Amino acid sequence: MRLKKGLLTAINCYNVKWVTRLQDVFTATKMLALGGIVIAGMWFLAMGNTENIAHPMQNSNWDPGYVALSFYSGLFSYSGWNYLNFVTEELKNPYKNLPKAICVSMPLSTIVYLLVNVAYFVVLSKEELLSSNTVAVTFGAKILPMLTWLMPLFVSCSTFGALNGAIFASSRLFFVGARNGHLPKAIALINVKRYTPCPSLVFLCIITLLLMCIDDVFALINYATFVESSFTLTSVTGLLWLRLKRPDLKRPIKVDIILPITFFIIAAFLVTLPMYVKPWEVGIGLLMILSGIPVYMVFVYWKDKPRWLNNIADPLC
């Protein structure tokens, strides 16, 4: 994974067109693999193999905290809509294409992933699902034993695509943050020949490699998802406040008020309920957020800093 990260960071630094073409290839390969899984699963289902889904909710834990926590492991698969917001400057006609991309991708992803999970549960037993580190590979080995090499290839392409998209979008977030003075100025620089934000890409790579030192990947998912859900809750709260206090404000993109209200309820559910189920992991995620407050207050918000502190802050911000 570290090699993948380094390779894709280098490609993102070299050429944006290469990045988009790679993303197209990886996405097409992923959709091909998912389509094959869905077709195989539906065929098994049509043949009457329903014993694995006869009692789908048996022994389920309906504690609200664990229900909210269960969303954490799956939310990343649907986070492409969020990454789209980071690259609006590079979209053609974003006011038109951004809502269109979200409205097309979210239902499509939801339907495909739902059908894929049905296929997994139809073909694999509960024991096989729980014992497998790569469910897609186990699924492929059971469906087509003679082509066991094929599914790991598809899984690798899928992870490459997800990582490539995350690098491309997240680096723009750091770039804009630095441009607004919230991160060191050097991160806002771009390569004048290739027009790529190389410093922000390298900075993102370093941060990611440090996070990969955490052994428990599920704890890392919980940290990151709690932080992302908290920022989402804060953003939608601000949106609702502006809709209430500034109803006449010009809005290039505007949706019916029921959508942000629903989104607010879901985000609040994801942020608050896991606190009593996994207080340690949620607490670490909360510390990640709070750790930025003193840095922001000292280096960004505080304008009348002493000269010695300005000498430190000016090269950074």
C-alpha atoms as a PDB file:
ATOM      1  CA  MET A   1       0.000   0.000   0.000  1.00  0.00           C
ATOM      2  CA  ARG A   2       2.888   2.384   0.752  1.00  0.00           C
ATOM      3  CA  LEU A   3       4.317   1.660  -2.704  1.00  0.00           C
ATOM      4  CA  LYS A   4       0.907   2.378  -4.275  1.00  0.00           C
ATOM      5  CA  LYS A   5       0.706   5.659  -2.391  1.00  0.00           C
ATOM      6  CA  GLY A   6       4.146   6.762  -3.514  1.00  0.00           C
ATOM      7  CA  LEU A   7       3.587   5.742  -7.138  1.00  0.00           C
ATOM      8  CA  LEU A   8       0.209   7.460  -7.440  1.00  0.00           C
ATOM      9  CA  THR A   9       1.532  10.588  -5.725  1.00  0.00           C
ATOM     10  CA  ALA A  10       4.329  10.738  -8.307  1.00  0.00           C
ATOM     11  CA  ILE A  11       1.824  10.374 -11.165  1.00  0.00           C
ATOM     12  CA  ASN A  12      -0.383  13.097  -9.681  1.00  0.00           C
ATOM     13  CA  CYS A  13       2.661  15.368  -9.485  1.00  0.00           C
ATOM     14  CA  TYR A  14       3.641  14.631 -13.086  1.00  0.00           C
ATOM     15  CA  ASN A  15       0.494  14.999 -15.173  1.00  0.00           C
ATOM     16  CA  VAL A  16      -3.188  15.642 -14.422  1.00  0.00           C
ATOM     17  CA  LYS A  17      -4.311  14.056 -17.702  1.00  0.00           C
ATOM     18  CA  TRP A  18      -2.549  10.831 -16.769  1.00  0.00           C
ATOM     19  CA  VAL A  19      -4.410  10.881 -13.460  1.00  0.00           C
ATOM     20  CA  THR A  20      -7.831  11.262 -15.094  1.00  0.00           C
ATOM     21  CA  ARG A  21      -7.098   8.579 -17.686  1.00  0.00           C
ATOM     22  CA  LEU A  22      -5.924   6.185 -14.992  1.00  0.00           C
ATOM     23  CA  GLN A  23      -9.071   6.947 -13.029  1.00  0.00           C
ATOM     24  CA  ASP A  24     -11.216   6.134 -16.069  1.00  0.00           C
ATOM     25  CA  VAL A  25      -9.427   2.797 -16.539  1.00  0.00           C
ATOM     26  CA  PHE A  26      -9.626   1.841 -12.863  1.00  0.00           C
ATOM     27  CA  THR A  27     -13.300   2.830 -12.636  1.00  0.00           C
ATOM     28  CA  ALA A  28     -14.200   0.854 -15.763  1.00  0.00           C
ATOM     29  CA  THR A  29     -12.322  -2.185 -14.429  1.00  0.00           C
ATOM     30  CA  LYS A  30     -14.068  -1.884 -11.069  1.00  0.00           C
ATOM     31  CA  MET A  31     -17.515  -1.610 -12.665  1.00  0.00           C
ATOM     32  CA  LEU A  32     -16.738  -4.644 -14.845  1.00  0.00           C
ATOM     33  CA  ALA A  33     -15.803  -6.680 -11.768  1.00  0.00           C
ATOM     34  CA  LEU A  34     -18.851  -5.512  -9.816  1.00  0.00           C
ATOM     35  CA  GLY A  35     -21.091  -6.314 -12.780  1.00  0.00           C
ATOM     36  CA  GLY A  36     -19.662  -9.837 -12.897  1.00  0.00           C
ATOM     37  CA  ILE A  37     -20.259 -10.302  -9.164  1.00  0.00           C
ATOM     38  CA  VAL A  38     -23.857  -9.087  -9.476  1.00  0.00           C
ATOM     39  CA  ILE A  39     -24.597 -11.371 -12.443  1.00  0.00           C
ATOM     40  CA  ALA A  40     -23.080 -14.393 -10.680  1.00  0.00           C
ATOM     41  CA  GLY A  41     -24.990 -13.628  -7.489  1.00  0.00           C
ATOM     42  CA  MET A  42     -28.303 -13.187  -9.303  1.00  0.00           C
ATOM     43  CA  TRP A  43     -27.718 -16.472 -11.139  1.00  0.00           C
ATOM     44  CA  PHE A  44     -27.146 -18.271  -7.821  1.00  0.00           C
ATOM     45  CA  LEU A  45     -30.265 -16.610  -6.435  1.00  0.00           C
ATOM     46  CA  ALA A  46     -32.324 -17.659  -9.472  1.00  0.00           C
ATOM     47  CA  MET A  47     -31.142 -21.239  -8.950  1.00  0.00           C
ATOM     48  CA  GLY A  48     -32.807 -21.209  -5.530  1.00  0.00           C
ATOM     49  CA  ASN A  49     -29.753 -20.697  -3.303  1.00  0.00           C
ATOM     50  CA  THR A  50     -31.493 -18.676  -0.597  1.00  0.00           C
ATOM     51  CA  GLU A  51     -30.453 -20.488   2.581  1.00  0.00           C
ATOM     52  CA  ASN A  52     -27.819 -17.867   3.458  1.00  0.00           C
ATOM     53  CA  ILE A  53     -30.370 -15.028   3.327  1.00  0.00           C
ATOM     54  CA  ALA A  54     -33.331 -16.864   4.833  1.00  0.00           C
ATOM     55  CA  HIS A  55     -32.869 -15.071   8.177  1.00  0.00           C
ATOM     56  CA  PRO A  56     -30.854 -11.939   7.344  1.00  0.00           C
ATOM     57  CA  MET A  57     -31.445 -10.127  10.651  1.00  0.00           C
ATOM     58  CA  GLN A  58     -30.883 -13.089  12.956  1.00  0.00           C
ATOM     59  CA  ASN A  59     -28.692 -12.287  15.998  1.00  0.00           C
ATOM     60  CA  SER A  60     -28.374  -8.649  14.891  1.00  0.00           C
ATOM     61  CA  ASN A  61     -27.348  -6.005  17.414  1.00  0.00           C
ATOM     62  CA  TRP A  62     -29.890  -3.183  17.232  1.00  0.00           C
ATOM     63  CA  ASP A  63     -28.167  -0.929  19.742  1.00  0.00           C
ATOM     64  CA  PRO A  64     -28.307   2.561  18.112  1.00  0.00           C
ATOM     65  CA  GLY A  65     -24.638   3.191  18.870  1.00  0.00           C
ATOM     66  CA  TYR A  66     -23.515   0.030  17.101  1.00  0.00           C
ATOM     67  CA  VAL A  67     -25.886   0.729  14.210  1.00  0.00           C
ATOM     68  CA  ALA A  68     -24.249   4.148  13.769  1.00  0.00           C
ATOM     69  CA  LEU A  69     -20.790   2.617  14.112  1.00  0.00           C
ATOM     70  CA  SER A  70     -21.579   0.024  11.448  1.00  0.00           C
ATOM     71  CA  PHE A  71     -22.025   2.856   8.957  1.00  0.00           C
ATOM     72  CA  TYR A  72     -18.427   3.951   9.537  1.00  0.00           C
ATOM     73  CA  SER A  73     -16.973   0.916   7.748  1.00  0.00           C
ATOM     74  CA  GLY A  74     -19.078   1.481   4.644  1.00  0.00           C
ATOM     75  CA  LEU A  75     -19.274   5.254   4.297  1.00  0.00           C
ATOM     76  CA  PHE A  76     -15.929   5.566   2.523  1.00  0.00           C
ATOM     77  CA  SER A  77     -17.351   3.640  -0.444  1.00  0.00           C
ATOM     78  CA  TYR A  78     -19.873   6.428  -0.960  1.00  0.00           C
ATOM     79  CA  SER A  79     -17.605   9.408  -0.243  1.00  0.00           C
ATOM     80  CA  GLY A  80     -16.950  10.259  -3.880  1.00  0.00           C
ATOM     81  CA  TRP A  81     -19.699  12.896  -3.746  1.00  0.00           C
ATOM     82  CA  ASN A  82     -17.701  14.678  -1.047  1.00  0.00           C
ATOM     83  CA  TYR A  83     -14.467  14.582  -3.045  1.00  0.00           C
ATOM     84  CA  LEU A  84     -16.257  16.252  -5.946  1.00  0.00           C
ATOM     85  CA  ASN A  85     -16.643  19.378  -3.822  1.00  0.00           C
ATOM     86  CA  PHE A  86     -12.854  19.623  -3.452  1.00  0.00           C
ATOM     87  CA  VAL A  87     -12.212  19.872  -7.197  1.00  0.00           C
ATOM     88  CA  THR A  88     -14.874  22.366  -8.260  1.00  0.00           C
ATOM     89  CA  GLU A  89     -12.169  24.738  -9.544  1.00  0.00           C
ATOM     90  CA  GLU A  90     -11.105  22.094 -12.063  1.00  0.00           C
ATOM     91  CA  LEU A  91     -14.620  21.195 -13.210  1.00  0.00           C
ATOM     92  CA  LYS A  92     -16.117  22.617 -16.368  1.00  0.00           C
ATOM     93  CA  ASN A  93     -19.315  24.508 -15.502  1.00  0.00           C
ATOM     94  CA  PRO A  94     -19.381  23.255 -11.873  1.00  0.00           C
ATOM     95  CA  TYR A  95     -22.751  24.850 -11.072  1.00  0.00           C
ATOM     96  CA  LYS A  96     -24.327  22.522 -13.615  1.00  0.00           C
ATOM     97  CA  ASN A  97     -22.024  19.497 -13.622  1.00  0.00           C
ATOM     98  CA  LEU A  98     -21.413  19.128  -9.864  1.00  0.00           C
ATOM     99  CA  PRO A  99     -25.075  18.465  -8.907  1.00  0.00           C
ATOM    100  CA  LYS A 100     -25.444  16.287 -11.995  1.00  0.00           C
ATOM    101  CA  ALA A 101     -22.394  14.192 -11.066  1.00  0.00           C
ATOM    102  CA  ILE A 102     -23.612  13.732  -7.487  1.00  0.00           C
ATOM    103  CA  CYS A 103     -27.178  12.896  -8.540  1.00  0.00           C
ATOM    104  CA  VAL A 104     -25.942  10.274 -11.013  1.00  0.00           C
ATOM    105  CA  SER A 105     -23.118   8.731  -8.986  1.00  0.00           C
ATOM    106  CA  MET A 106     -24.860   8.344  -5.630  1.00  0.00           C
ATOM    107  CA  PRO A 107     -27.908   6.319  -6.812  1.00  0.00           C
ATOM    108  CA  LEU A 108     -25.704   4.282  -9.158  1.00  0.00           C
ATOM    109  CA  SER A 109     -23.190   3.475  -6.398  1.00  0.00           C
ATOM    110  CA  THR A 110     -25.966   2.635  -3.938  1.00  0.00           C
ATOM    111  CA  ILE A 111     -27.737   0.257  -6.329  1.00  0.00           C
ATOM    112  CA  VAL A 112     -24.540  -1.472  -7.467  1.00  0.00           C
ATOM    113  CA  TYR A 113     -23.146  -1.902  -3.939  1.00  0.00           C
ATOM    114  CA  LEU A 114     -26.500  -3.162  -2.664  1.00  0.00           C
ATOM    115  CA  LEU A 115     -26.662  -5.795  -5.407  1.00  0.00           C
ATOM    116  CA  VAL A 116     -23.031  -6.774  -4.790  1.00  0.00           C
ATOM    117  CA  ASN A 117     -23.719  -7.329  -1.094  1.00  0.00           C
ATOM    118  CA  VAL A 118     -26.785  -9.418  -1.947  1.00  0.00           C
ATOM    119  CA  ALA A 119     -24.565 -11.492  -4.242  1.00  0.00           C
ATOM    120  CA  TYR A 120     -21.994 -11.986  -1.477  1.00  0.00           C
ATOM    121  CA  PHE A 121     -24.629 -13.136   1.005  1.00  0.00           C
ATOM    122  CA  VAL A 122     -26.253 -15.471  -1.519  1.00  0.00           C
ATOM    123  CA  VAL A 123     -23.014 -17.227  -2.469  1.00  0.00           C
ATOM    124  CA  LEU A 124     -21.013 -17.130   0.780  1.00  0.00           C
ATOM    125  CA  SER A 125     -22.010 -18.372   4.201  1.00  0.00           C
ATOM    126  CA  LYS A 126     -21.798 -16.205   7.309  1.00  0.00           C
ATOM    127  CA  GLU A 127     -18.686 -18.071   8.426  1.00  0.00           C
ATOM    128  CA  GLU A 128     -16.961 -17.508   5.081  1.00  0.00           C
ATOM    129  CA  LEU A 129     -17.779 -13.808   5.142  1.00  0.00           C
ATOM    130  CA  LEU A 130     -16.512 -13.300   8.689  1.00  0.00           C
ATOM    131  CA  SER A 131     -13.296 -15.274   8.169  1.00  0.00           C
ATOM    132  CA  SER A 132     -12.338 -13.619   4.873  1.00  0.00           C
ATOM    133  CA  ASN A 133     -10.025 -10.620   4.707  1.00  0.00           C
ATOM    134  CA  THR A 134     -10.949 -10.039   1.050  1.00  0.00           C
ATOM    135  CA  VAL A 135     -14.559 -11.062   0.469  1.00  0.00           C
ATOM    136  CA  ALA A 136     -14.381 -10.457  -3.281  1.00  0.00           C
ATOM    137  CA  VAL A 137     -11.446 -12.873  -3.627  1.00  0.00           C
ATOM    138  CA  THR A 138     -13.251 -15.532  -1.571  1.00  0.00           C
ATOM    139  CA  PHE A 139     -16.339 -14.992  -3.721  1.00  0.00           C
ATOM    140  CA  GLY A 140     -14.326 -15.369  -6.931  1.00  0.00           C
ATOM    141  CA  ALA A 141     -12.613 -18.534  -5.699  1.00  0.00           C
ATOM    142  CA  LYS A 142     -15.987 -20.127  -4.962  1.00  0.00           C
ATOM    143  CA  ILE A 143     -17.628 -19.076  -8.243  1.00  0.00           C
ATOM    144  CA  LEU A 144     -14.718 -19.688 -10.636  1.00  0.00           C
ATOM    145  CA  PRO A 145     -11.982 -21.733  -8.935  1.00  0.00           C
ATOM    146  CA  MET A 146      -9.992 -21.909 -12.173  1.00  0.00           C
ATOM    147  CA  LEU A 147      -9.756 -18.090 -12.299  1.00  0.00           C
ATOM    148  CA  THR A 148      -8.725 -17.373  -8.715  1.00  0.00           C
ATOM    149  CA  TRP A 149      -6.022 -15.012  -9.995  1.00  0.00           C
ATOM    150  CA  LEU A 150      -8.560 -12.746 -11.695  1.00  0.00           C
ATOM    151  CA  MET A 151     -10.428 -11.352  -8.690  1.00  0.00           C
ATOM    152  CA  PRO A 152      -7.281 -10.189  -6.812  1.00  0.00           C
ATOM    153  CA  LEU A 153      -6.373  -8.281  -9.974  1.00  0.00           C
ATOM    154  CA  PHE A 154      -9.770  -6.571  -9.979  1.00  0.00           C
ATOM    155  CA  VAL A 155      -9.478  -5.799  -6.260  1.00  0.00           C
ATOM    156  CA  SER A 156      -6.055  -4.222  -6.823  1.00  0.00           C
ATOM    157  CA  CYS A 157      -7.444  -2.062  -9.632  1.00  0.00           C
ATOM    158  CA  SER A 158     -10.320  -1.011  -7.382  1.00  0.00           C
ATOM    159  CA  THR A 159      -8.000   0.037  -4.550  1.00  0.00           C
ATOM    160  CA  PHE A 160      -5.736   1.838  -7.022  1.00  0.00           C
ATOM    161  CA  GLY A 161      -8.726   3.778  -8.340  1.00  0.00           C
ATOM    162  CA  ALA A 162     -10.035   4.690  -4.892  1.00  0.00           C
ATOM    163  CA  LEU A 163      -6.592   5.804  -3.728  1.00  0.00           C
ATOM    164  CA  ASN A 164      -5.948   7.751  -6.922  1.00  0.00           C
ATOM    165  CA  GLY A 165      -9.239   9.639  -6.589  1.00  0.00           C
ATOM    166  CA  ALA A 166      -8.619  10.385  -2.917  1.00  0.00           C
ATOM    167  CA  ILE A 167      -5.112  11.710  -3.625  1.00  0.00           C
ATOM    168  CA  PHE A 168      -6.306  13.907  -6.485  1.00  0.00           C
ATOM    169  CA  ALA A 169      -9.163  15.447  -4.487  1.00  0.00           C
ATOM    170  CA  SER A 170      -7.603  15.704  -1.019  1.00  0.00           C
ATOM    171  CA  SER A 171      -4.465  17.421  -2.320  1.00  0.00           C
ATOM    172  CA  ARG A 172      -6.690  20.238  -3.615  1.00  0.00           C
ATOM    173  CA  LEU A 173      -8.119  20.652  -0.121  1.00  0.00           C
ATOM    174  CA  PHE A 174      -4.644  21.233   1.324  1.00  0.00           C
ATOM    175  CA  PHE A 175      -3.794  23.509  -1.606  1.00  0.00           C
ATOM    176  CA  VAL A 176      -6.786  25.784  -0.982  1.00  0.00           C
ATOM    177  CA  GLY A 177      -6.210  25.733   2.783  1.00  0.00           C
ATOM    178  CA  ALA A 178      -2.648  26.957   2.257  1.00  0.00           C
ATOM    179  CA  ARG A 179      -3.809  29.561  -0.250  1.00  0.00           C
ATOM    180  CA  ASN A 180      -6.199  30.928   2.403  1.00  0.00           C
ATOM    181  CA  GLY A 181      -3.379  31.119   4.944  1.00  0.00           C
ATOM    182  CA  HIS A 182      -4.447  28.158   7.089  1.00  0.00           C
ATOM    183  CA  LEU A 183      -1.444  25.985   6.180  1.00  0.00           C
ATOM    184  CA  PRO A 184       2.186  26.789   5.316  1.00  0.00           C
ATOM    185  CA  LYS A 185       2.474  28.935   2.182  1.00  0.00           C
ATOM    186  CA  ALA A 186       4.714  26.419   0.447  1.00  0.00           C
ATOM    187  CA  ILE A 187       1.794  23.983   0.175  1.00  0.00           C
ATOM    188  CA  ALA A 188      -0.045  26.492  -2.044  1.00  0.00           C
ATOM    189  CA  LEU A 189       2.700  26.411  -4.690  1.00  0.00           C
ATOM    190  CA  ILE A 190       2.204  24.658  -8.029  1.00  0.00           C
ATOM    191  CA  ASN A 191       4.530  23.288 -10.677  1.00  0.00           C
ATOM    192  CA  VAL A 192       4.694  26.068 -13.289  1.00  0.00           C
ATOM    193  CA  LYS A 193       5.290  23.608 -16.146  1.00  0.00           C
ATOM    194  CA  ARG A 194       2.743  20.928 -15.309  1.00  0.00           C
ATOM    195  CA  TYR A 195       0.260  22.975 -13.241  1.00  0.00           C
ATOM    196  CA  THR A 196       0.094  20.350 -10.501  1.00  0.00           C
ATOM    197  CA  PRO A 197       0.094  21.146  -6.744  1.00  0.00           C
ATOM    198  CA  CYS A 198       3.240  19.131  -6.008  1.00  0.00           C
ATOM    199  CA  PRO A 199       3.887  20.447  -2.455  1.00  0.00           C
ATOM    200  CA  SER A 200       0.350  19.638  -1.302  1.00  0.00           C
ATOM    201  CA  LEU A 201       0.604  16.172  -2.885  1.00  0.00           C
ATOM    202  CA  VAL A 202       3.880  15.465  -1.081  1.00  0.00           C
ATOM    203  CA  PHE A 203       2.456  16.827   2.191  1.00  0.00           C
ATOM    204  CA  LEU A 204      -0.602  14.579   1.811  1.00  0.00           C
ATOM    205  CA  CYS A 205       1.636  11.588   1.087  1.00  0.00           C
ATOM    206  CA  ILE A 206       3.672  12.171   4.258  1.00  0.00           C
ATOM    207  CA  ILE A 207       0.544  12.519   6.423  1.00  0.00           C
ATOM    208  CA  THR A 208      -0.937   9.350   4.917  1.00  0.00           C
ATOM    209  CA  LEU A 209       2.244   7.328   5.443  1.00  0.00           C
ATOM    210  CA  LEU A 210       2.313   8.409   9.088  1.00  0.00           C
ATOM    211  CA  LEU A 211      -1.317   7.326   9.572  1.00  0.00           C
ATOM    212  CA  MET A 212      -0.513   3.965   7.994  1.00  0.00           C
ATOM    213  CA  CYS A 213       1.726   3.232  10.985  1.00  0.00           C
ATOM    214  CA  ILE A 214      -1.479   2.527  12.952  1.00  0.00           C
ATOM    215  CA  ASP A 215      -1.890  -1.254  13.001  1.00  0.00           C
ATOM    216  CA  ASP A 216      -5.647  -1.437  13.603  1.00  0.00           C
ATOM    217  CA  VAL A 217      -7.226  -0.410  10.301  1.00  0.00           C
ATOM    218  CA  PHE A 218     -10.753  -0.474  11.748  1.00  0.00           C
ATOM    219  CA  ALA A 219      -9.756   1.938  14.515  1.00  0.00           C
ATOM    220  CA  LEU A 220      -8.250   4.203  11.840  1.00  0.00           C
ATOM    221  CA  ILE A 221     -11.511   4.035   9.877  1.00  0.00           C
ATOM    222  CA  ASN A 222     -13.436   5.022  13.015  1.00  0.00           C
ATOM    223  CA  TYR A 223     -11.069   7.945  13.711  1.00  0.00           C
ATOM    224  CA  ALA A 224     -11.304   9.271  10.166  1.00  0.00           C
ATOM    225  CA  THR A 225     -15.044   8.732   9.715  1.00  0.00           C
ATOM    226  CA  PHE A 226     -15.871  10.443  13.006  1.00  0.00           C
ATOM    227  CA  VAL A 227     -13.761  13.445  11.993  1.00  0.00           C
ATOM    228  CA  GLU A 228     -15.330  13.585   8.525  1.00  0.00           C
ATOM    229  CA  SER A 229     -18.848  13.216   9.950  1.00  0.00           C
ATOM    230  CA  SER A 230     -18.144  15.997  12.452  1.00  0.00           C
ATOM    231  CA  PHE A 231     -17.019  18.364   9.702  1.00  0.00           C
ATOM    232  CA  THR A 232     -20.037  17.387   7.621  1.00  0.00           C
ATOM    233  CA  LEU A 233     -22.342  18.096  10.570  1.00  0.00           C
ATOM    234  CA  THR A 234     -20.686  21.481  11.101  1.00  0.00           C
ATOM    235  CA  SER A 235     -21.003  22.362   7.410  1.00  0.00           C
ATOM    236  CA  VAL A 236     -24.665  21.436   7.102  1.00  0.00           C
ATOM    237  CA  THR A 237     -25.408  23.278  10.370  1.00  0.00           C
ATOM    238  CA  GLY A 238     -23.877  26.401   8.854  1.00  0.00           C
ATOM    239  CA  LEU A 239     -25.890  25.878   5.685  1.00  0.00           C
ATOM    240  CA  LEU A 240     -29.153  25.657   7.643  1.00  0.00           C
ATOM    241  CA  TRP A 241     -28.226  28.716   9.698  1.00  0.00           C
ATOM    242  CA  LEU A 242     -27.586  30.730   6.522  1.00  0.00           C
ATOM    243  CA  ARG A 243     -30.825  29.517   4.956  1.00  0.00           C
ATOM    244  CA  LEU A 244     -32.637  30.747   8.073  1.00  0.00           C
ATOM    245  CA  LYS A 245     -30.792  34.035   8.640  1.00  0.00           C
ATOM    246  CA  ARG A 246     -29.928  34.943   5.040  1.00  0.00           C
ATOM    247  CA  PRO A 247     -32.792  33.582   2.918  1.00  0.00           C
ATOM    248  CA  ASP A 248     -32.214  36.143   0.135  1.00  0.00           C
ATOM    249  CA  LEU A 249     -28.510  35.379  -0.287  1.00  0.00           C
ATOM    250  CA  LYS A 250     -27.571  34.489  -3.874  1.00  0.00           C
ATOM    251  CA  ARG A 251     -26.997  30.729  -4.138  1.00  0.00           C
ATOM    252  CA  PRO A 252     -25.664  29.295  -7.428  1.00  0.00           C
ATOM    253  CA  ILE A 253     -26.555  25.795  -6.187  1.00  0.00           C
ATOM    254  CA  LYS A 254     -29.699  25.464  -4.068  1.00  0.00           C
ATOM    255  CA  VAL A 255     -31.750  22.418  -3.029  1.00  0.00           C
ATOM    256  CA  ASP A 256     -35.027  21.967  -1.201  1.00  0.00           C
ATOM    257  CA  ILE A 257     -34.662  22.621   2.540  1.00  0.00           C
ATOM    258  CA  ILE A 258     -35.823  19.096   3.411  1.00  0.00           C
ATOM    259  CA  LEU A 259     -32.582  17.630   2.030  1.00  0.00           C
ATOM    260  CA  PRO A 260     -30.153  19.513   4.321  1.00  0.00           C
ATOM    261  CA  ILE A 261     -32.479  18.915   7.291  1.00  0.00           C
ATOM    262  CA  THR A 262     -32.456  15.168   6.605  1.00  0.00           C
ATOM    263  CA  PHE A 263     -28.696  15.276   6.108  1.00  0.00           C
ATOM    264  CA  PHE A 264     -28.279  17.129   9.413  1.00  0.00           C
ATOM    265  CA  ILE A 265     -30.236  14.442  11.290  1.00  0.00           C
ATOM    266  CA  ILE A 266     -28.154  11.638   9.751  1.00  0.00           C
ATOM    267  CA  ALA A 267     -24.862  13.437  10.428  1.00  0.00           C
ATOM    268  CA  ALA A 268     -25.876  14.088  14.049  1.00  0.00           C
ATOM    269  CA  PHE A 269     -26.769  10.397  14.378  1.00  0.00           C
ATOM    270  CA  LEU A 270     -23.326   9.367  13.083  1.00  0.00           C
ATOM    271  CA  VAL A 271     -21.453  11.787  15.344  1.00  0.00           C
ATOM    272  CA  THR A 272     -23.235  11.457  18.690  1.00  0.00           C
ATOM    273  CA  LEU A 273     -24.328   7.826  19.076  1.00  0.00           C
ATOM    274  CA  PRO A 274     -20.920   6.103  18.643  1.00  0.00           C
ATOM    275  CA  MET A 275     -19.554   8.159  21.548  1.00  0.00           C
ATOM    276  CA  TYR A 276     -20.783   5.728  24.191  1.00  0.00           C
ATOM    277  CA  VAL A 277     -19.991   2.606  22.147  1.00  0.00           C
ATOM    278  CA  LYS A 278     -16.374   3.442  21.232  1.00  0.00           C
ATOM    279  CA  PRO A 279     -15.484   6.381  23.517  1.00  0.00           C
ATOM    280  CA  TRP A 280     -11.728   5.849  23.158  1.00  0.00           C
ATOM    281  CA  GLU A 281     -11.706   5.866  19.346  1.00  0.00           C
ATOM    282  CA  VAL A 282     -14.216   8.713  19.132  1.00  0.00           C
ATOM    283  CA  GLY A 283     -12.174  10.607  21.725  1.00  0.00           C
ATOM    284  CA  ILE A 284      -9.034  10.314  19.600  1.00  0.00           C
ATOM    285  CA  GLY A 285     -10.975  11.584  16.591  1.00  0.00           C
ATOM    286  CA  LEU A 286     -12.233  14.496  18.690  1.00  0.00           C
ATOM    287  CA  LEU A 287      -8.688  15.286  19.824  1.00  0.00           C
ATOM    288  CA  MET A 288      -7.613  15.386  16.173  1.00  0.00           C
ATOM    289  CA  ILE A 289     -10.193  18.108  15.577  1.00  0.00           C
ATOM    290  CA  LEU A 290      -9.501  20.062  18.771  1.00  0.00           C
ATOM    291  CA  SER A 291      -5.729  19.984  18.216  1.00  0.00           C
ATOM    292  CA  GLY A 292      -6.179  22.355  15.287  1.00  0.00           C
ATOM    293  CA  ILE A 293      -7.910  25.056  17.356  1.00  0.00           C
ATOM    294  CA  PRO A 294      -4.838  26.417  19.232  1.00  0.00           C
ATOM    295  CA  VAL A 295      -2.798  26.328  16.013  1.00  0.00           C
ATOM    296  CA  TYR A 296      -5.506  28.277  14.182  1.00  0.00           C
ATOM    297  CA  MET A 297      -5.949  30.773  17.017  1.00  0.00           C
ATOM    298  CA  VAL A 298      -2.219  31.502  17.287  1.00  0.00           C
ATOM    299  CA  PHE A 299      -1.074  31.454  13.672  1.00  0.00           C
ATOM    300  CA  VAL A 300      -4.207  32.591  11.784  1.00  0.00           C
ATOM    301  CA  TYR A 301      -6.778  34.331  13.993  1.00  0.00           C
ATOM    302  CA  TRP A 302      -4.398  36.305  16.254  1.00  0.00           C
ATOM    303  CA  LYS A 303      -3.424  39.369  14.217  1.00  0.00           C
ATOM    304  CA  ASP A 304      -1.450  41.380  16.819  1.00  0.00           C
ATOM    305  CA  LYS A 305       1.185  38.773  17.570  1.00  0.00           C
ATOM    306  CA  PRO A 306       4.542  39.719  19.115  1.00  0.00           C
ATOM    307  CA  ARG A 307       7.350  40.273  16.624  1.00  0.00           C
ATOM    308  CA  TRP A 308       9.225  37.111  17.625  1.00  0.00           C
ATOM    309  CA  LEU A 309       6.089  35.044  16.996  1.00  0.00           C
ATOM    310  CA  ASN A 310       5.510  36.779  13.657  1.00  0.00           C
ATOM    311  CA  ASN A 311       9.030  35.815  12.660  1.00  0.00           C
ATOM    312  CA  ILE A 312       8.007  32.200  13.191  1.00  0.00           C
ATOM    313  CA  ALA A 313       4.511  32.440  11.728  1.00  0.00           C
ATOM    314  CA  ASP A 314       5.215  34.500   8.586  1.00  0.00           C
ATOM    315  CA  PRO A 315       7.334  31.881   6.799  1.00  0.00           C
ATOM    316  CA  LEU A 316       4.686  29.273   7.600  1.00  0.00           C
ATOM    317  CA  CYS A 317       1.445  31.155   6.981  1.00  0.00           C
END
